[in-house]
Amino acid sequence: MSEESAKPYLIRAIYEWCCDQGHTPFLAVRVDAQTRVPMAFVKNGEIVLNIGPNATRKLTIDNDWVRFSARFGGASQEIAVPMSAAAGIFARETGYGFSFQPAAAEPASPIEVQSQTAGAAAPETPEPPAPKPKGKAKLQVIK
């Protein structure tokens, strides 16, 4: 029996909580081949979308997709994010929310692991560990 993911339920719950509290819900997305987002706004394979009621039209969050239309650079675009691409949801004002682990790849069989490591040569000398910093850690503002 396959177990249904809790991710869509958590996304809907955080979205509703954000709206009830007057916060702006943001959806973090790992862009893949199935994701329909404006590619001009994608950085390092990720995009953060404002999914608040004032920023979207026809928002639907079902168990498989987050779909809505929104304006980007003045042009309306249809957005479709599969649940597998949703990386997190949070309130812009507070940062409260959830982040999700990427979908784990199928573990390799022992035969595959053995064949992958058989061709790799072991390093001759291990690298020494990095030296530990002394004293207290300091934060510094860089302009």
Protein backbone atom coordinates (compact mmCIF):
# COMPACT_ATOMS: atom_id res chain seq x y z
CA MET A 1 0.00 0.00 0.00
CA SER A 2 1.51 3.35 -1.00
CA GLU A 3 1.45 6.14 1.51
CA GLU A 4 0.31 9.56 0.31
CA SER A 5 2.68 12.46 0.93
CA ALA A 6 1.85 14.99 3.63
CA LYS A 7 3.48 17.79 1.60
CA PRO A 8 0.31 19.10 -0.14
CA TYR A 9 -1.54 19.15 3.19
CA LEU A 10 1.27 21.08 4.88
CA ILE A 11 1.48 23.55 1.99
CA ARG A 12 -2.28 24.19 2.16
CA ALA A 13 -2.11 24.58 5.96
CA ILE A 14 0.78 27.06 5.92
CA TYR A 15 -0.87 28.97 3.06
CA GLU A 16 -4.11 29.28 5.05
CA TRP A 17 -2.23 30.24 8.24
CA CYS A 18 -0.31 32.96 6.37
CA CYS A 19 -3.51 34.41 4.93
CA ASP A 20 -5.28 34.30 8.32
CA GLN A 21 -2.36 36.11 9.99
CA GLY A 22 -2.09 38.76 7.26
CA HIS A 23 1.28 37.40 6.08
CA THR A 24 2.43 36.82 2.50
CA PRO A 25 2.89 33.12 1.62
CA PHE A 26 5.94 32.40 -0.54
CA LEU A 27 6.51 29.05 -2.28
CA ALA A 28 10.12 27.97 -2.89
CA VAL A 29 10.43 25.78 -6.01
CA ARG A 30 13.20 23.60 -7.44
CA VAL A 31 12.67 24.04 -11.17
CA ASP A 32 12.65 20.86 -13.27
CA ALA A 33 11.35 19.81 -16.68
CA GLN A 34 7.72 19.59 -15.45
CA THR A 35 7.69 22.99 -13.74
CA ARG A 36 6.07 25.85 -15.66
CA VAL A 37 7.43 29.13 -14.31
CA PRO A 38 8.92 32.22 -15.99
CA MET A 39 12.48 31.04 -16.67
CA ALA A 40 13.81 34.62 -16.70
CA PHE A 41 13.30 34.71 -12.93
CA VAL A 42 14.92 31.33 -12.16
CA LYS A 43 18.27 31.50 -10.38
CA ASN A 44 20.43 28.42 -9.74
CA GLY A 45 17.51 26.17 -10.69
CA GLU A 46 15.23 27.71 -8.06
CA ILE A 47 12.52 30.34 -7.88
CA VAL A 48 10.51 31.80 -5.00
CA LEU A 49 6.91 32.65 -5.86
CA ASN A 50 4.49 34.93 -4.02
CA ILE A 51 1.31 32.85 -3.84
CA GLY A 52 -0.70 35.31 -1.77
CA PRO A 53 -4.29 36.14 -2.75
CA ASN A 54 -3.27 39.62 -3.99
CA ALA A 55 -0.55 38.20 -6.27
CA THR A 56 -2.37 35.25 -7.85
CA ARG A 57 -5.56 34.38 -9.70
CA LYS A 58 -7.29 31.00 -9.69
CA LEU A 59 -4.86 29.45 -7.17
CA THR A 60 -5.40 25.73 -6.68
CA ILE A 61 -3.30 23.54 -4.42
CA ASP A 62 -4.24 19.92 -4.95
CA ASN A 63 -2.36 16.75 -4.06
CA ASP A 64 -0.28 16.80 -7.26
CA TRP A 65 0.08 20.43 -8.40
CA VAL A 66 0.13 24.09 -7.35
CA ARG A 67 -1.44 26.07 -10.23
CA PHE A 68 -2.26 29.73 -10.65
CA SER A 69 -1.82 32.69 -12.94
CA ALA A 70 0.26 35.71 -11.97
CA ARG A 71 1.86 38.76 -13.55
CA PHE A 72 5.59 38.79 -14.20
CA GLY A 73 7.03 41.94 -15.74
CA GLY A 74 3.49 43.10 -16.51
CA ALA A 75 2.54 39.97 -18.48
CA SER A 76 0.12 37.37 -17.12
CA GLN A 77 1.53 33.83 -17.07
CA GLU A 78 0.14 30.44 -16.12
CA ILE A 79 2.22 28.78 -13.39
CA ALA A 80 2.22 25.03 -12.70
CA VAL A 81 4.42 23.51 -10.00
CA PRO A 82 4.36 19.75 -9.35
CA MET A 83 4.40 18.84 -5.64
CA SER A 84 7.72 17.06 -6.18
CA ALA A 85 9.28 20.45 -7.12
CA ALA A 86 7.96 22.33 -4.07
CA ALA A 87 10.95 22.97 -1.81
CA GLY A 88 9.14 24.88 0.92
CA ILE A 89 6.50 27.39 1.94
CA PHE A 90 7.00 30.25 4.36
CA ALA A 91 5.67 33.62 5.47
CA ARG A 92 7.67 36.49 3.97
CA GLU A 93 7.28 38.66 7.06
CA THR A 94 8.37 36.12 9.68
CA GLY A 95 10.13 33.32 7.79
CA TYR A 96 7.95 30.75 9.56
CA GLY A 97 7.03 27.77 7.44
CA PHE A 98 8.30 24.41 6.19
CA SER A 99 11.06 23.29 3.89
CA PHE A 100 10.95 19.90 2.25
CA GLN A 101 13.73 17.44 1.47
CA PRO A 102 14.30 16.76 -2.22
CA ALA A 103 12.80 13.49 -3.43
CA ALA A 104 15.34 10.80 -2.67
CA ALA A 105 16.70 8.86 -5.60
CA GLU A 106 16.32 5.11 -5.59
CA PRO A 107 19.20 3.56 -3.63
CA ALA A 108 21.73 1.80 -5.80
CA SER A 109 21.93 -1.96 -5.54
CA PRO A 110 25.07 -3.44 -3.90
CA ILE A 111 26.23 -4.71 -7.30
CA GLU A 112 26.02 -1.19 -8.80
CA VAL A 113 27.87 0.33 -5.84
CA GLN A 114 30.55 -2.36 -6.04
CA SER A 115 31.06 -1.85 -9.79
CA GLN A 116 31.20 1.95 -9.35
CA THR A 117 33.84 1.76 -6.63
CA ALA A 118 35.89 -0.99 -8.29
CA GLY A 119 37.14 1.32 -11.05
CA ALA A 120 37.97 4.21 -8.72
CA ALA A 121 41.47 4.32 -7.34
CA ALA A 122 41.88 5.04 -3.66
CA PRO A 123 43.67 8.30 -2.84
CA GLU A 124 47.30 7.80 -1.85
CA THR A 125 47.28 10.14 1.13
CA PRO A 126 44.23 11.49 2.90
CA GLU A 127 43.93 15.26 3.17
CA PRO A 128 44.54 16.64 6.66
CA PRO A 129 41.47 18.05 8.41
CA ALA A 130 40.99 21.80 8.25
CA PRO A 131 42.34 23.62 11.32
CA LYS A 132 39.74 24.65 13.87
CA PRO A 133 39.36 28.40 14.41
CA LYS A 134 40.51 29.71 17.76
CA GLY A 135 38.44 32.04 19.95
CA LYS A 136 34.83 33.12 19.63
CA ALA A 137 33.00 33.25 16.34
CA LYS A 138 32.37 36.79 15.09
CA LEU A 139 29.77 38.17 12.72
CA GLN A 140 30.85 41.01 10.50
CA VAL A 141 28.73 43.26 8.27
CA ILE A 142 30.17 43.45 4.77
CA LYS A 143 29.01 46.25 2.51
